[in-house]
């Protein structure tokens, strides 16, 4: 769950996930090494990764 961000100026941890991307349920618990989440409703384990914000730096 940690993401080192030397060039983004600050946040060293991602914000928590608030709902399951598969079923929409909100009963999530951290799973594994901390970057995974487990949904108690649909029994899926998943990770969420930020791939970009749409902001381009020169």
C-alpha atoms as a PDB file:
ATOM      1  CA  UNK A   1       0.000   0.000   0.000  1.00  0.00           C
ATOM      2  CA  UNK A   2       2.960   2.289   0.051  1.00  0.00           C
ATOM      3  CA  UNK A   3       3.963   4.216  -3.014  1.00  0.00           C
ATOM      4  CA  UNK A   4       7.109   6.305  -2.868  1.00  0.00           C
ATOM      5  CA  UNK A   5       6.616   9.516  -4.770  1.00  0.00           C
ATOM      6  CA  UNK A   6       9.725  11.665  -4.798  1.00  0.00           C
ATOM      7  CA  UNK A   7       8.674  13.667  -7.849  1.00  0.00           C
ATOM      8  CA  UNK A   8       5.009  14.216  -6.920  1.00  0.00           C
ATOM      9  CA  UNK A   9       5.860  16.200  -3.824  1.00  0.00           C
ATOM     10  CA  UNK A  10       4.335  14.529  -0.900  1.00  0.00           C
ATOM     11  CA  UNK A  11       2.013  11.631  -0.478  1.00  0.00           C
ATOM     12  CA  UNK A  12       3.852   8.457   0.455  1.00  0.00           C
ATOM     13  CA  UNK A  13       0.759   6.255   0.888  1.00  0.00           C
ATOM     14  CA  UNK A  14      -2.253   5.759  -1.296  1.00  0.00           C
ATOM     15  CA  UNK A  15      -5.690   6.613   0.014  1.00  0.00           C
ATOM     16  CA  UNK A  16      -7.833   3.651   1.090  1.00  0.00           C
ATOM     17  CA  UNK A  17     -10.290   2.062  -1.312  1.00  0.00           C
ATOM     18  CA  UNK A  18     -13.897   2.816  -0.308  1.00  0.00           C
ATOM     19  CA  UNK A  19     -15.827   0.293  -2.417  1.00  0.00           C
ATOM     20  CA  UNK A  20     -15.273  -2.886  -4.403  1.00  0.00           C
ATOM     21  CA  UNK A  21     -14.811  -2.197  -8.139  1.00  0.00           C
ATOM     22  CA  UNK A  22     -16.611  -5.477  -8.960  1.00  0.00           C
ATOM     23  CA  UNK A  23     -19.750  -5.464  -6.794  1.00  0.00           C
ATOM     24  CA  UNK A  24     -19.778  -2.003  -5.174  1.00  0.00           C
ATOM     25  CA  UNK A  25     -19.866  -3.285  -1.601  1.00  0.00           C
ATOM     26  CA  UNK A  26     -18.092  -1.242   1.080  1.00  0.00           C
ATOM     27  CA  UNK A  27     -16.962  -4.057   3.388  1.00  0.00           C
ATOM     28  CA  UNK A  28     -13.283  -4.201   2.419  1.00  0.00           C
ATOM     29  CA  UNK A  29     -10.298  -5.337   4.437  1.00  0.00           C
ATOM     30  CA  UNK A  30      -6.571  -5.078   3.677  1.00  0.00           C
ATOM     31  CA  UNK A  31      -5.154  -8.349   2.376  1.00  0.00           C
ATOM     32  CA  UNK A  32      -1.663  -9.724   1.860  1.00  0.00           C
ATOM     33  CA  UNK A  33       1.250  -7.293   1.800  1.00  0.00           C
ATOM     34  CA  UNK A  34      -0.955  -4.218   2.186  1.00  0.00           C
ATOM     35  CA  UNK A  35      -1.473  -3.328  -1.472  1.00  0.00           C
ATOM     36  CA  UNK A  36      -4.318  -5.835  -1.861  1.00  0.00           C
ATOM     37  CA  UNK A  37      -7.925  -5.546  -0.698  1.00  0.00           C
ATOM     38  CA  UNK A  38     -10.448  -8.314   0.021  1.00  0.00           C
ATOM     39  CA  UNK A  39     -14.196  -7.861  -0.499  1.00  0.00           C
ATOM     40  CA  UNK A  40     -16.333  -9.862   1.931  1.00  0.00           C
ATOM     41  CA  UNK A  41     -19.420  -9.636  -0.303  1.00  0.00           C
ATOM     42  CA  UNK A  42     -18.094 -11.098  -3.579  1.00  0.00           C
ATOM     43  CA  UNK A  43     -15.017 -12.827  -2.069  1.00  0.00           C
ATOM     44  CA  UNK A  44     -12.633 -11.201  -4.543  1.00  0.00           C
ATOM     45  CA  UNK A  45      -9.150  -9.943  -3.763  1.00  0.00           C
ATOM     46  CA  UNK A  46      -7.871  -7.063  -5.876  1.00  0.00           C
ATOM     47  CA  UNK A  47      -5.361  -4.235  -6.138  1.00  0.00           C
ATOM     48  CA  UNK A  48      -5.910  -0.674  -7.311  1.00  0.00           C
ATOM     49  CA  UNK A  49      -3.122   1.153  -9.111  1.00  0.00           C
ATOM     50  CA  UNK A  50      -2.958   4.768 -10.267  1.00  0.00           C
ATOM     51  CA  UNK A  51      -1.576   4.868 -13.811  1.00  0.00           C
ATOM     52  CA  UNK A  52      -1.772   8.631 -14.334  1.00  0.00           C
ATOM     53  CA  UNK A  53      -3.687  11.827 -13.683  1.00  0.00           C
ATOM     54  CA  UNK A  54      -3.779  13.322 -17.153  1.00  0.00           C
ATOM     55  CA  UNK A  55      -1.377  16.084 -16.139  1.00  0.00           C
ATOM     56  CA  UNK A  56       1.707  16.232 -18.355  1.00  0.00           C
ATOM     57  CA  UNK A  57       4.950  17.758 -17.149  1.00  0.00           C
ATOM     58  CA  UNK A  58       7.441  19.126 -19.711  1.00  0.00           C
END
